[in-house]
């Protein structure tokens, strides 16, 4: 295998695969109602590193696209954050760069990413 990770030097697959697997993050995004329903199971999968919340897609799935004042996004965040805390993994906020008040709110609820620290 000749990849940039190995400075384009050939490495046997046995060596390359273990190095690549060790350096790979598995980061599911919760952005559908089905994923929200299964979030505890998703967060508990061995090898999942953090979860990210796709806020815009999730609100669109809820039929309230961009309506962040609706209780739906907050309830979803509560459920996702609780699942991540239970699994001992990080949870990131996505899609809210223009809504710093919401980022702060979700960080105070326990989210870990996008300006929480």
PDB file of N, CA and C in Angstrom:
ATOM      1  N   UNK A   1       0.838  -1.171   0.000  1.00  0.00           N
ATOM      2  CA  UNK A   1       0.000   0.000   0.000  1.00  0.00           C
ATOM      3  C   UNK A   1       0.888   1.241   0.000  1.00  0.00           C
ATOM      4  N   UNK A   2       0.677   2.117  -0.960  1.00  0.00           N
ATOM      5  CA  UNK A   2       1.471   3.342  -1.056  1.00  0.00           C
ATOM      6  C   UNK A   2       0.543   4.541  -0.875  1.00  0.00           C
ATOM      7  N   UNK A   3       0.555   5.117   0.304  1.00  0.00           N
ATOM      8  CA  UNK A   3      -0.347   6.214   0.650  1.00  0.00           C
ATOM      9  C   UNK A   3       0.441   7.394   1.203  1.00  0.00           C
ATOM     10  N   UNK A   4      -0.163   8.603   1.193  1.00  0.00           N
ATOM     11  CA  UNK A   4       0.535   9.751   1.762  1.00  0.00           C
ATOM     12  C   UNK A   4       0.889   9.546   3.232  1.00  0.00           C
ATOM     13  N   UNK A   5       0.090   8.776   3.944  1.00  0.00           N
ATOM     14  CA  UNK A   5       0.350   8.509   5.359  1.00  0.00           C
ATOM     15  C   UNK A   5       1.706   7.846   5.570  1.00  0.00           C
ATOM     16  N   UNK A   6       2.170   7.165   4.527  1.00  0.00           N
ATOM     17  CA  UNK A   6       3.448   6.446   4.588  1.00  0.00           C
ATOM     18  C   UNK A   6       4.487   7.091   3.678  1.00  0.00           C
ATOM     19  N   UNK A   7       4.263   8.385   3.383  1.00  0.00           N
ATOM     20  CA  UNK A   7       5.149   9.137   2.485  1.00  0.00           C
ATOM     21  C   UNK A   7       5.292   8.433   1.138  1.00  0.00           C
ATOM     22  N   UNK A   8       4.213   7.843   0.700  1.00  0.00           N
ATOM     23  CA  UNK A   8       4.120   7.130  -0.580  1.00  0.00           C
ATOM     24  C   UNK A   8       5.094   5.972  -0.696  1.00  0.00           C
ATOM     25  N   UNK A   9       5.556   5.499   0.422  1.00  0.00           N
ATOM     26  CA  UNK A   9       6.391   4.304   0.419  1.00  0.00           C
ATOM     27  C   UNK A   9       5.477   3.096   0.541  1.00  0.00           C
ATOM     28  N   UNK A  10       5.843   2.061  -0.121  1.00  0.00           N
ATOM     29  CA  UNK A  10       5.059   0.838  -0.080  1.00  0.00           C
ATOM     30  C   UNK A  10       5.182   0.180   1.290  1.00  0.00           C
ATOM     31  N   UNK A  11       4.048  -0.245   1.819  1.00  0.00           N
ATOM     32  CA  UNK A  11       4.011  -0.967   3.084  1.00  0.00           C
ATOM     33  C   UNK A  11       3.131  -2.198   2.881  1.00  0.00           C
ATOM     34  N   UNK A  12       3.480  -3.304   3.486  1.00  0.00           N
ATOM     35  CA  UNK A  12       2.612  -4.480   3.382  1.00  0.00           C
ATOM     36  C   UNK A  12       1.244  -4.184   4.002  1.00  0.00           C
ATOM     37  N   UNK A  13       0.214  -4.753   3.425  1.00  0.00           N
ATOM     38  CA  UNK A  13      -1.147  -4.520   3.919  1.00  0.00           C
ATOM     39  C   UNK A  13      -1.265  -4.848   5.403  1.00  0.00           C
ATOM     40  N   UNK A  14      -0.579  -5.880   5.848  1.00  0.00           N
ATOM     41  CA  UNK A  14      -0.643  -6.270   7.259  1.00  0.00           C
ATOM     42  C   UNK A  14      -0.193  -5.125   8.171  1.00  0.00           C
ATOM     43  N   UNK A  15       0.834  -4.412   7.764  1.00  0.00           N
ATOM     44  CA  UNK A  15       1.337  -3.268   8.532  1.00  0.00           C
ATOM     45  C   UNK A  15       0.443  -2.056   8.304  1.00  0.00           C
ATOM     46  N   UNK A  16       0.149  -1.776   7.039  1.00  0.00           N
ATOM     47  CA  UNK A  16      -0.631  -0.583   6.691  1.00  0.00           C
ATOM     48  C   UNK A  16      -2.017  -0.617   7.322  1.00  0.00           C
ATOM     49  N   UNK A  17      -2.682  -1.759   7.268  1.00  0.00           N
ATOM     50  CA  UNK A  17      -4.043  -1.845   7.798  1.00  0.00           C
ATOM     51  C   UNK A  17      -4.093  -1.548   9.288  1.00  0.00           C
ATOM     52  N   UNK A  18      -3.161  -2.083  10.047  1.00  0.00           N
ATOM     53  CA  UNK A  18      -3.206  -1.833  11.490  1.00  0.00           C
ATOM     54  C   UNK A  18      -2.928  -0.363  11.804  1.00  0.00           C
ATOM     55  N   UNK A  19      -1.996   0.245  11.075  1.00  0.00           N
ATOM     56  CA  UNK A  19      -1.697   1.665  11.280  1.00  0.00           C
ATOM     57  C   UNK A  19      -2.897   2.519  10.880  1.00  0.00           C
ATOM     58  N   UNK A  20      -3.499   2.211   9.739  1.00  0.00           N
ATOM     59  CA  UNK A  20      -4.644   2.991   9.263  1.00  0.00           C
ATOM     60  C   UNK A  20      -5.843   2.824  10.202  1.00  0.00           C
ATOM     61  N   UNK A  21      -6.087   1.609  10.663  1.00  0.00           N
ATOM     62  CA  UNK A  21      -7.205   1.388  11.581  1.00  0.00           C
ATOM     63  C   UNK A  21      -7.005   2.149  12.885  1.00  0.00           C
ATOM     64  N   UNK A  22      -5.796   2.165  13.384  1.00  0.00           N
ATOM     65  CA  UNK A  22      -5.495   2.871  14.632  1.00  0.00           C
ATOM     66  C   UNK A  22      -5.706   4.375  14.483  1.00  0.00           C
ATOM     67  N   UNK A  23      -5.454   4.895  13.294  1.00  0.00           N
ATOM     68  CA  UNK A  23      -5.559   6.332  13.060  1.00  0.00           C
ATOM     69  C   UNK A  23      -6.885   6.783  12.487  1.00  0.00           C
ATOM     70  N   UNK A  24      -7.866   5.902  12.440  1.00  0.00           N
ATOM     71  CA  UNK A  24      -9.163   6.224  11.851  1.00  0.00           C
ATOM     72  C   UNK A  24     -10.187   6.506  12.939  1.00  0.00           C
ATOM     73  N   UNK A  25     -10.929   7.582  12.774  1.00  0.00           N
ATOM     74  CA  UNK A  25     -12.037   7.894  13.675  1.00  0.00           C
ATOM     75  C   UNK A  25     -13.344   7.485  13.013  1.00  0.00           C
ATOM     76  N   UNK A  26     -14.245   6.928  13.775  1.00  0.00           N
ATOM     77  CA  UNK A  26     -15.590   6.609  13.309  1.00  0.00           C
ATOM     78  C   UNK A  26     -16.513   7.634  13.952  1.00  0.00           C
ATOM     79  N   UNK A  27     -17.106   8.505  13.103  1.00  0.00           N
ATOM     80  CA  UNK A  27     -17.884   9.638  13.613  1.00  0.00           C
ATOM     81  C   UNK A  27     -19.264   9.657  12.948  1.00  0.00           C
ATOM     82  N   UNK A  28     -20.238   8.932  13.500  1.00  0.00           N
ATOM     83  CA  UNK A  28     -21.588   9.002  12.951  1.00  0.00           C
ATOM     84  C   UNK A  28     -22.208  10.378  13.196  1.00  0.00           C
ATOM     85  N   UNK A  29     -23.059  10.788  12.254  1.00  0.00           N
ATOM     86  CA  UNK A  29     -23.832  12.026  12.434  1.00  0.00           C
ATOM     87  C   UNK A  29     -25.278  11.660  12.702  1.00  0.00           C
ATOM     88  N   UNK A  30     -25.839  12.281  13.696  1.00  0.00           N
ATOM     89  CA  UNK A  30     -27.250  12.088  14.016  1.00  0.00           C
ATOM     90  C   UNK A  30     -28.003  13.215  13.321  1.00  0.00           C
ATOM     91  N   UNK A  31     -28.669  12.857  12.213  1.00  0.00           N
ATOM     92  CA  UNK A  31     -29.356  13.879  11.425  1.00  0.00           C
ATOM     93  C   UNK A  31     -30.659  13.372  10.824  1.00  0.00           C
ATOM     94  N   UNK A  32     -31.117  12.199  11.274  1.00  0.00           N
ATOM     95  CA  UNK A  32     -32.414  11.685  10.842  1.00  0.00           C
ATOM     96  C   UNK A  32     -33.208  11.263  12.072  1.00  0.00           C
ATOM     97  N   UNK A  33     -34.512  11.140  11.898  1.00  0.00           N
ATOM     98  CA  UNK A  33     -35.351  10.691  13.012  1.00  0.00           C
ATOM     99  C   UNK A  33     -35.024   9.256  13.398  1.00  0.00           C
ATOM    100  N   UNK A  34     -34.668   8.432  12.404  1.00  0.00           N
ATOM    101  CA  UNK A  34     -34.287   7.051  12.704  1.00  0.00           C
ATOM    102  C   UNK A  34     -33.020   7.009  13.561  1.00  0.00           C
ATOM    103  N   UNK A  35     -32.031   7.815  13.203  1.00  0.00           N
ATOM    104  CA  UNK A  35     -30.798   7.866  13.998  1.00  0.00           C
ATOM    105  C   UNK A  35     -31.088   8.386  15.404  1.00  0.00           C
ATOM    106  N   UNK A  36     -31.966   9.373  15.512  1.00  0.00           N
ATOM    107  CA  UNK A  36     -32.332   9.907  16.829  1.00  0.00           C
ATOM    108  C   UNK A  36     -32.982   8.818  17.681  1.00  0.00           C
ATOM    109  N   UNK A  37     -33.844   8.026  17.062  1.00  0.00           N
ATOM    110  CA  UNK A  37     -34.509   6.942  17.780  1.00  0.00           C
ATOM    111  C   UNK A  37     -33.502   5.888  18.261  1.00  0.00           C
ATOM    112  N   UNK A  38     -32.453   5.658  17.476  1.00  0.00           N
ATOM    113  CA  UNK A  38     -31.464   4.618  17.776  1.00  0.00           C
ATOM    114  C   UNK A  38     -30.181   5.157  18.398  1.00  0.00           C
ATOM    115  N   UNK A  39     -30.196   6.396  18.866  1.00  0.00           N
ATOM    116  CA  UNK A  39     -28.959   7.056  19.286  1.00  0.00           C
ATOM    117  C   UNK A  39     -28.231   6.315  20.410  1.00  0.00           C
ATOM    118  N   UNK A  40     -28.941   5.727  21.353  1.00  0.00           N
ATOM    119  CA  UNK A  40     -28.246   4.986  22.419  1.00  0.00           C
ATOM    120  C   UNK A  40     -27.486   3.798  21.851  1.00  0.00           C
ATOM    121  N   UNK A  41     -28.114   3.087  20.915  1.00  0.00           N
ATOM    122  CA  UNK A  41     -27.457   1.941  20.295  1.00  0.00           C
ATOM    123  C   UNK A  41     -26.263   2.382  19.452  1.00  0.00           C
ATOM    124  N   UNK A  42     -26.410   3.476  18.728  1.00  0.00           N
ATOM    125  CA  UNK A  42     -25.320   3.987  17.891  1.00  0.00           C
ATOM    126  C   UNK A  42     -24.139   4.403  18.766  1.00  0.00           C
ATOM    127  N   UNK A  43     -24.413   5.140  19.823  1.00  0.00           N
ATOM    128  CA  UNK A  43     -23.350   5.618  20.713  1.00  0.00           C
ATOM    129  C   UNK A  43     -22.625   4.467  21.401  1.00  0.00           C
ATOM    130  N   UNK A  44     -23.314   3.355  21.604  1.00  0.00           N
ATOM    131  CA  UNK A  44     -22.732   2.219  22.320  1.00  0.00           C
ATOM    132  C   UNK A  44     -21.910   1.291  21.428  1.00  0.00           C
ATOM    133  N   UNK A  45     -21.911   1.515  20.117  1.00  0.00           N
ATOM    134  CA  UNK A  45     -21.154   0.640  19.215  1.00  0.00           C
ATOM    135  C   UNK A  45     -19.665   0.774  19.505  1.00  0.00           C
ATOM    136  N   UNK A  46     -19.006  -0.358  19.708  1.00  0.00           N
ATOM    137  CA  UNK A  46     -17.568  -0.339  19.962  1.00  0.00           C
ATOM    138  C   UNK A  46     -16.849   0.254  18.756  1.00  0.00           C
ATOM    139  N   UNK A  47     -15.956   1.187  19.021  1.00  0.00           N
ATOM    140  CA  UNK A  47     -15.194   1.823  17.951  1.00  0.00           C
ATOM    141  C   UNK A  47     -15.735   3.171  17.523  1.00  0.00           C
ATOM    142  N   UNK A  48     -16.962   3.507  17.937  1.00  0.00           N
ATOM    143  CA  UNK A  48     -17.486   4.843  17.648  1.00  0.00           C
ATOM    144  C   UNK A  48     -16.759   5.814  18.560  1.00  0.00           C
ATOM    145  N   UNK A  49     -16.205   6.859  17.962  1.00  0.00           N
ATOM    146  CA  UNK A  49     -15.406   7.807  18.735  1.00  0.00           C
ATOM    147  C   UNK A  49     -16.295   8.918  19.279  1.00  0.00           C
ATOM    148  N   UNK A  50     -16.679   9.937  18.498  1.00  0.00           N
ATOM    149  CA  UNK A  50     -17.707  10.878  18.948  1.00  0.00           C
ATOM    150  C   UNK A  50     -18.958  10.710  18.094  1.00  0.00           C
ATOM    151  N   UNK A  51     -20.012  11.388  18.467  1.00  0.00           N
ATOM    152  CA  UNK A  51     -21.171  11.581  17.600  1.00  0.00           C
ATOM    153  C   UNK A  51     -21.239  13.059  17.274  1.00  0.00           C
ATOM    154  N   UNK A  52     -21.700  13.376  16.084  1.00  0.00           N
ATOM    155  CA  UNK A  52     -21.979  14.758  15.710  1.00  0.00           C
ATOM    156  C   UNK A  52     -23.471  14.880  15.461  1.00  0.00           C
ATOM    157  N   UNK A  53     -24.017  16.029  15.810  1.00  0.00           N
ATOM    158  CA  UNK A  53     -25.434  16.298  15.576  1.00  0.00           C
ATOM    159  C   UNK A  53     -25.542  17.215  14.373  1.00  0.00           C
ATOM    160  N   UNK A  54     -26.197  16.739  13.318  1.00  0.00           N
ATOM    161  CA  UNK A  54     -26.442  17.546  12.124  1.00  0.00           C
ATOM    162  C   UNK A  54     -27.735  18.319  12.322  1.00  0.00           C
ATOM    163  N   UNK A  55     -27.627  19.454  12.966  1.00  0.00           N
ATOM    164  CA  UNK A  55     -28.799  20.205  13.425  1.00  0.00           C
ATOM    165  C   UNK A  55     -29.732  20.602  12.290  1.00  0.00           C
ATOM    166  N   UNK A  56     -29.196  21.113  11.190  1.00  0.00           N
ATOM    167  CA  UNK A  56     -30.063  21.561  10.096  1.00  0.00           C
ATOM    168  C   UNK A  56     -30.809  20.399   9.457  1.00  0.00           C
ATOM    169  N   UNK A  57     -30.109  19.308   9.180  1.00  0.00           N
ATOM    170  CA  UNK A  57     -30.779  18.145   8.601  1.00  0.00           C
ATOM    171  C   UNK A  57     -31.787  17.552   9.578  1.00  0.00           C
ATOM    172  N   UNK A  58     -31.440  17.527  10.851  1.00  0.00           N
ATOM    173  CA  UNK A  58     -32.344  16.967  11.849  1.00  0.00           C
ATOM    174  C   UNK A  58     -33.622  17.796  11.961  1.00  0.00           C
ATOM    175  N   UNK A  59     -33.499  19.117  11.978  1.00  0.00           N
ATOM    176  CA  UNK A  59     -34.723  19.937  12.045  1.00  0.00           C
ATOM    177  C   UNK A  59     -35.543  19.790  10.765  1.00  0.00           C
ATOM    178  N   UNK A  60     -34.886  19.629   9.629  1.00  0.00           N
ATOM    179  CA  UNK A  60     -35.623  19.393   8.375  1.00  0.00           C
ATOM    180  C   UNK A  60     -36.389  18.077   8.461  1.00  0.00           C
ATOM    181  N   UNK A  61     -35.749  17.046   8.992  1.00  0.00           N
ATOM    182  CA  UNK A  61     -36.408  15.745   9.179  1.00  0.00           C
ATOM    183  C   UNK A  61     -37.606  15.860  10.119  1.00  0.00           C
ATOM    184  N   UNK A  62     -37.499  16.752  11.093  1.00  0.00           N
ATOM    185  CA  UNK A  62     -38.585  16.946  12.058  1.00  0.00           C
ATOM    186  C   UNK A  62     -39.740  17.744  11.461  1.00  0.00           C
ATOM    187  N   UNK A  63     -39.532  18.288  10.259  1.00  0.00           N
ATOM    188  CA  UNK A  63     -40.551  19.123   9.633  1.00  0.00           C
ATOM    189  C   UNK A  63     -40.558  20.542  10.163  1.00  0.00           C
ATOM    190  N   UNK A  64     -39.473  20.950  10.804  1.00  0.00           N
ATOM    191  CA  UNK A  64     -39.377  22.296  11.392  1.00  0.00           C
ATOM    192  C   UNK A  64     -38.063  22.951  10.959  1.00  0.00           C
ATOM    193  N   UNK A  65     -37.725  22.798   9.726  1.00  0.00           N
ATOM    194  CA  UNK A  65     -36.432  23.235   9.198  1.00  0.00           C
ATOM    195  C   UNK A  65     -36.039  24.626   9.688  1.00  0.00           C
ATOM    196  N   UNK A  66     -34.934  24.681  10.428  1.00  0.00           N
ATOM    197  CA  UNK A  66     -34.404  25.954  10.899  1.00  0.00           C
ATOM    198  C   UNK A  66     -35.164  26.589  12.048  1.00  0.00           C
ATOM    199  N   UNK A  67     -36.197  25.933  12.554  1.00  0.00           N
ATOM    200  CA  UNK A  67     -36.984  26.491  13.660  1.00  0.00           C
ATOM    201  C   UNK A  67     -36.359  26.054  14.985  1.00  0.00           C
ATOM    202  N   UNK A  68     -35.318  26.772  15.376  1.00  0.00           N
ATOM    203  CA  UNK A  68     -34.569  26.402  16.573  1.00  0.00           C
ATOM    204  C   UNK A  68     -35.281  26.799  17.859  1.00  0.00           C
ATOM    205  N   UNK A  69     -36.331  27.628  17.765  1.00  0.00           N
ATOM    206  CA  UNK A  69     -37.117  27.984  18.942  1.00  0.00           C
ATOM    207  C   UNK A  69     -38.104  26.876  19.301  1.00  0.00           C
ATOM    208  N   UNK A  70     -38.363  25.991  18.358  1.00  0.00           N
ATOM    209  CA  UNK A  70     -39.225  24.846  18.587  1.00  0.00           C
ATOM    210  C   UNK A  70     -38.567  23.949  19.648  1.00  0.00           C
ATOM    211  N   UNK A  71     -39.334  23.320  20.523  1.00  0.00           N
ATOM    212  CA  UNK A  71     -38.724  22.457  21.536  1.00  0.00           C
ATOM    213  C   UNK A  71     -38.069  21.193  20.968  1.00  0.00           C
ATOM    214  N   UNK A  72     -38.382  20.831  19.741  1.00  0.00           N
ATOM    215  CA  UNK A  72     -37.843  19.614  19.129  1.00  0.00           C
ATOM    216  C   UNK A  72     -36.330  19.515  19.130  1.00  0.00           C
ATOM    217  N   UNK A  73     -35.610  20.545  18.649  1.00  0.00           N
ATOM    218  CA  UNK A  73     -34.149  20.450  18.662  1.00  0.00           C
ATOM    219  C   UNK A  73     -33.567  20.303  20.068  1.00  0.00           C
ATOM    220  N   UNK A  74     -34.118  21.033  21.035  1.00  0.00           N
ATOM    221  CA  UNK A  74     -33.611  20.936  22.409  1.00  0.00           C
ATOM    222  C   UNK A  74     -33.849  19.536  22.968  1.00  0.00           C
ATOM    223  N   UNK A  75     -35.026  18.981  22.721  1.00  0.00           N
ATOM    224  CA  UNK A  75     -35.320  17.624  23.192  1.00  0.00           C
ATOM    225  C   UNK A  75     -34.389  16.612  22.528  1.00  0.00           C
ATOM    226  N   UNK A  76     -34.116  16.808  21.239  1.00  0.00           N
ATOM    227  CA  UNK A  76     -33.197  15.911  20.525  1.00  0.00           C
ATOM    228  C   UNK A  76     -31.798  16.006  21.110  1.00  0.00           C
ATOM    229  N   UNK A  77     -31.333  17.224  21.351  1.00  0.00           N
ATOM    230  CA  UNK A  77     -30.011  17.413  21.944  1.00  0.00           C
ATOM    231  C   UNK A  77     -29.925  16.745  23.314  1.00  0.00           C
ATOM    232  N   UNK A  78     -30.971  16.884  24.123  1.00  0.00           N
ATOM    233  CA  UNK A  78     -30.974  16.248  25.446  1.00  0.00           C
ATOM    234  C   UNK A  78     -30.794  14.740  25.316  1.00  0.00           C
ATOM    235  N   UNK A  79     -31.526  14.142  24.389  1.00  0.00           N
ATOM    236  CA  UNK A  79     -31.463  12.694  24.191  1.00  0.00           C
ATOM    237  C   UNK A  79     -30.086  12.263  23.686  1.00  0.00           C
ATOM    238  N   UNK A  80     -29.546  12.998  22.723  1.00  0.00           N
ATOM    239  CA  UNK A  80     -28.250  12.648  22.133  1.00  0.00           C
ATOM    240  C   UNK A  80     -27.124  12.837  23.151  1.00  0.00           C
ATOM    241  N   UNK A  81     -27.146  13.949  23.859  1.00  0.00           N
ATOM    242  CA  UNK A  81     -26.114  14.216  24.873  1.00  0.00           C
ATOM    243  C   UNK A  81     -26.153  13.135  25.954  1.00  0.00           C
ATOM    244  N   UNK A  82     -27.343  12.769  26.400  1.00  0.00           N
ATOM    245  CA  UNK A  82     -27.467  11.725  27.428  1.00  0.00           C
ATOM    246  C   UNK A  82     -26.900  10.397  26.926  1.00  0.00           C
ATOM    247  N   UNK A  83     -27.178  10.052  25.678  1.00  0.00           N
ATOM    248  CA  UNK A  83     -26.667   8.794  25.113  1.00  0.00           C
ATOM    249  C   UNK A  83     -25.147   8.806  25.038  1.00  0.00           C
ATOM    250  N   UNK A  84     -24.582   9.941  24.662  1.00  0.00           N
ATOM    251  CA  UNK A  84     -23.121  10.047  24.561  1.00  0.00           C
ATOM    252  C   UNK A  84     -22.468  10.003  25.934  1.00  0.00           C
ATOM    253  N   UNK A  85     -23.060  10.679  26.899  1.00  0.00           N
ATOM    254  CA  UNK A  85     -22.502  10.646  28.256  1.00  0.00           C
ATOM    255  C   UNK A  85     -22.553   9.220  28.809  1.00  0.00           C
ATOM    256  N   UNK A  86     -23.661   8.530  28.563  1.00  0.00           N
ATOM    257  CA  UNK A  86     -23.802   7.144  29.017  1.00  0.00           C
ATOM    258  C   UNK A  86     -22.729   6.256  28.392  1.00  0.00           C
ATOM    259  N   UNK A  87     -22.427   6.487  27.112  1.00  0.00           N
ATOM    260  CA  UNK A  87     -21.427   5.683  26.398  1.00  0.00           C
ATOM    261  C   UNK A  87     -20.002   6.171  26.647  1.00  0.00           C
ATOM    262  N   UNK A  88     -19.868   7.338  27.281  1.00  0.00           N
ATOM    263  CA  UNK A  88     -18.539   7.883  27.565  1.00  0.00           C
ATOM    264  C   UNK A  88     -17.832   8.434  26.341  1.00  0.00           C
ATOM    265  N   UNK A  89     -18.632   8.964  25.398  1.00  0.00           N
ATOM    266  CA  UNK A  89     -18.034   9.541  24.192  1.00  0.00           C
ATOM    267  C   UNK A  89     -18.416  11.005  24.056  1.00  0.00           C
ATOM    268  N   UNK A  90     -17.684  11.692  23.230  1.00  0.00           N
ATOM    269  CA  UNK A  90     -17.824  13.113  22.951  1.00  0.00           C
ATOM    270  C   UNK A  90     -19.003  13.331  22.011  1.00  0.00           C
ATOM    271  N   UNK A  91     -19.680  14.471  22.109  1.00  0.00           N
ATOM    272  CA  UNK A  91     -20.764  14.816  21.179  1.00  0.00           C
ATOM    273  C   UNK A  91     -20.546  16.236  20.685  1.00  0.00           C
ATOM    274  N   UNK A  92     -20.612  16.412  19.371  1.00  0.00           N
ATOM    275  CA  UNK A  92     -20.357  17.717  18.772  1.00  0.00           C
ATOM    276  C   UNK A  92     -21.598  18.337  18.155  1.00  0.00           C
ATOM    277  N   UNK A  93     -21.643  19.648  18.210  1.00  0.00           N
ATOM    278  CA  UNK A  93     -22.716  20.470  17.656  1.00  0.00           C
ATOM    279  C   UNK A  93     -22.302  20.887  16.245  1.00  0.00           C
ATOM    280  N   UNK A  94     -23.139  20.655  15.244  1.00  0.00           N
ATOM    281  CA  UNK A  94     -22.834  21.061  13.878  1.00  0.00           C
ATOM    282  C   UNK A  94     -23.976  21.914  13.332  1.00  0.00           C
ATOM    283  N   UNK A  95     -23.633  22.814  12.420  1.00  0.00           N
ATOM    284  CA  UNK A  95     -24.630  23.587  11.694  1.00  0.00           C
ATOM    285  C   UNK A  95     -25.167  24.813  12.399  1.00  0.00           C
ATOM    286  N   UNK A  96     -24.546  25.216  13.480  1.00  0.00           N
ATOM    287  CA  UNK A  96     -25.071  26.354  14.239  1.00  0.00           C
ATOM    288  C   UNK A  96     -24.064  27.488  14.377  1.00  0.00           C
ATOM    289  N   UNK A  97     -23.117  27.589  13.468  1.00  0.00           N
ATOM    290  CA  UNK A  97     -22.062  28.606  13.573  1.00  0.00           C
ATOM    291  C   UNK A  97     -22.611  30.027  13.677  1.00  0.00           C
ATOM    292  N   UNK A  98     -23.759  30.273  13.068  1.00  0.00           N
ATOM    293  CA  UNK A  98     -24.346  31.619  13.094  1.00  0.00           C
ATOM    294  C   UNK A  98     -25.252  31.843  14.299  1.00  0.00           C
ATOM    295  N   UNK A  99     -25.410  30.831  15.121  1.00  0.00           N
ATOM    296  CA  UNK A  99     -26.319  30.909  16.267  1.00  0.00           C
ATOM    297  C   UNK A  99     -25.538  30.635  17.550  1.00  0.00           C
ATOM    298  N   UNK A 100     -24.683  31.570  17.905  1.00  0.00           N
ATOM    299  CA  UNK A 100     -23.807  31.356  19.055  1.00  0.00           C
ATOM    300  C   UNK A 100     -24.574  31.169  20.357  1.00  0.00           C
ATOM    301  N   UNK A 101     -25.747  31.781  20.461  1.00  0.00           N
ATOM    302  CA  UNK A 101     -26.557  31.583  21.662  1.00  0.00           C
ATOM    303  C   UNK A 101     -27.000  30.126  21.785  1.00  0.00           C
ATOM    304  N   UNK A 102     -27.333  29.496  20.651  1.00  0.00           N
ATOM    305  CA  UNK A 102     -27.717  28.087  20.684  1.00  0.00           C
ATOM    306  C   UNK A 102     -26.518  27.189  20.965  1.00  0.00           C
ATOM    307  N   UNK A 103     -25.374  27.521  20.366  1.00  0.00           N
ATOM    308  CA  UNK A 103     -24.162  26.751  20.642  1.00  0.00           C
ATOM    309  C   UNK A 103     -23.882  26.789  22.142  1.00  0.00           C
ATOM    310  N   UNK A 104     -23.965  27.972  22.736  1.00  0.00           N
ATOM    311  CA  UNK A 104     -23.729  28.102  24.174  1.00  0.00           C
ATOM    312  C   UNK A 104     -24.750  27.288  24.966  1.00  0.00           C
ATOM    313  N   UNK A 105     -26.015  27.369  24.569  1.00  0.00           N
ATOM    314  CA  UNK A 105     -27.072  26.618  25.259  1.00  0.00           C
ATOM    315  C   UNK A 105     -26.778  25.121  25.227  1.00  0.00           C
ATOM    316  N   UNK A 106     -26.428  24.605  24.042  1.00  0.00           N
ATOM    317  CA  UNK A 106     -26.190  23.170  23.917  1.00  0.00           C
ATOM    318  C   UNK A 106     -24.897  22.752  24.619  1.00  0.00           C
ATOM    319  N   UNK A 107     -23.917  23.640  24.639  1.00  0.00           N
ATOM    320  CA  UNK A 107     -22.686  23.355  25.393  1.00  0.00           C
ATOM    321  C   UNK A 107     -22.990  23.279  26.884  1.00  0.00           C
ATOM    322  N   UNK A 108     -23.824  24.178  27.355  1.00  0.00           N
ATOM    323  CA  UNK A 108     -24.211  24.164  28.770  1.00  0.00           C
ATOM    324  C   UNK A 108     -25.017  22.910  29.116  1.00  0.00           C
ATOM    325  N   UNK A 109     -25.686  22.342  28.100  1.00  0.00           N
ATOM    326  CA  UNK A 109     -26.430  21.097  28.295  1.00  0.00           C
ATOM    327  C   UNK A 109     -25.501  19.885  28.310  1.00  0.00           C
ATOM    328  N   UNK A 110     -24.242  20.083  27.881  1.00  0.00           N
ATOM    329  CA  UNK A 110     -23.289  18.978  27.921  1.00  0.00           C
ATOM    330  C   UNK A 110     -22.636  18.616  26.610  1.00  0.00           C
ATOM    331  N   UNK A 111     -22.965  19.331  25.528  1.00  0.00           N
ATOM    332  CA  UNK A 111     -22.290  19.071  24.249  1.00  0.00           C
ATOM    333  C   UNK A 111     -20.830  19.487  24.369  1.00  0.00           C
ATOM    334  N   UNK A 112     -19.995  18.903  23.528  1.00  0.00           N
ATOM    335  CA  UNK A 112     -18.557  19.115  23.651  1.00  0.00           C
ATOM    336  C   UNK A 112     -17.930  19.931  22.531  1.00  0.00           C
ATOM    337  N   UNK A 113     -18.593  20.155  21.423  1.00  0.00           N
ATOM    338  CA  UNK A 113     -17.890  20.697  20.265  1.00  0.00           C
ATOM    339  C   UNK A 113     -18.391  22.017  19.750  1.00  0.00           C
ATOM    340  N   UNK A 114     -17.719  22.495  18.701  1.00  0.00           N
ATOM    341  CA  UNK A 114     -18.023  23.743  18.003  1.00  0.00           C
ATOM    342  C   UNK A 114     -18.136  24.932  18.946  1.00  0.00           C
ATOM    343  N   UNK A 115     -17.054  25.238  19.596  1.00  0.00           N
ATOM    344  CA  UNK A 115     -17.020  26.426  20.423  1.00  0.00           C
ATOM    345  C   UNK A 115     -17.398  26.204  21.867  1.00  0.00           C
ATOM    346  N   UNK A 116     -17.591  24.952  22.273  1.00  0.00           N
ATOM    347  CA  UNK A 116     -17.953  24.682  23.667  1.00  0.00           C
ATOM    348  C   UNK A 116     -16.780  24.867  24.613  1.00  0.00           C
ATOM    349  N   UNK A 117     -15.560  24.803  24.082  1.00  0.00           N
ATOM    350  CA  UNK A 117     -14.385  24.913  24.956  1.00  0.00           C
ATOM    351  C   UNK A 117     -13.467  25.995  24.472  1.00  0.00           C
TER     352      UNK A 117
END
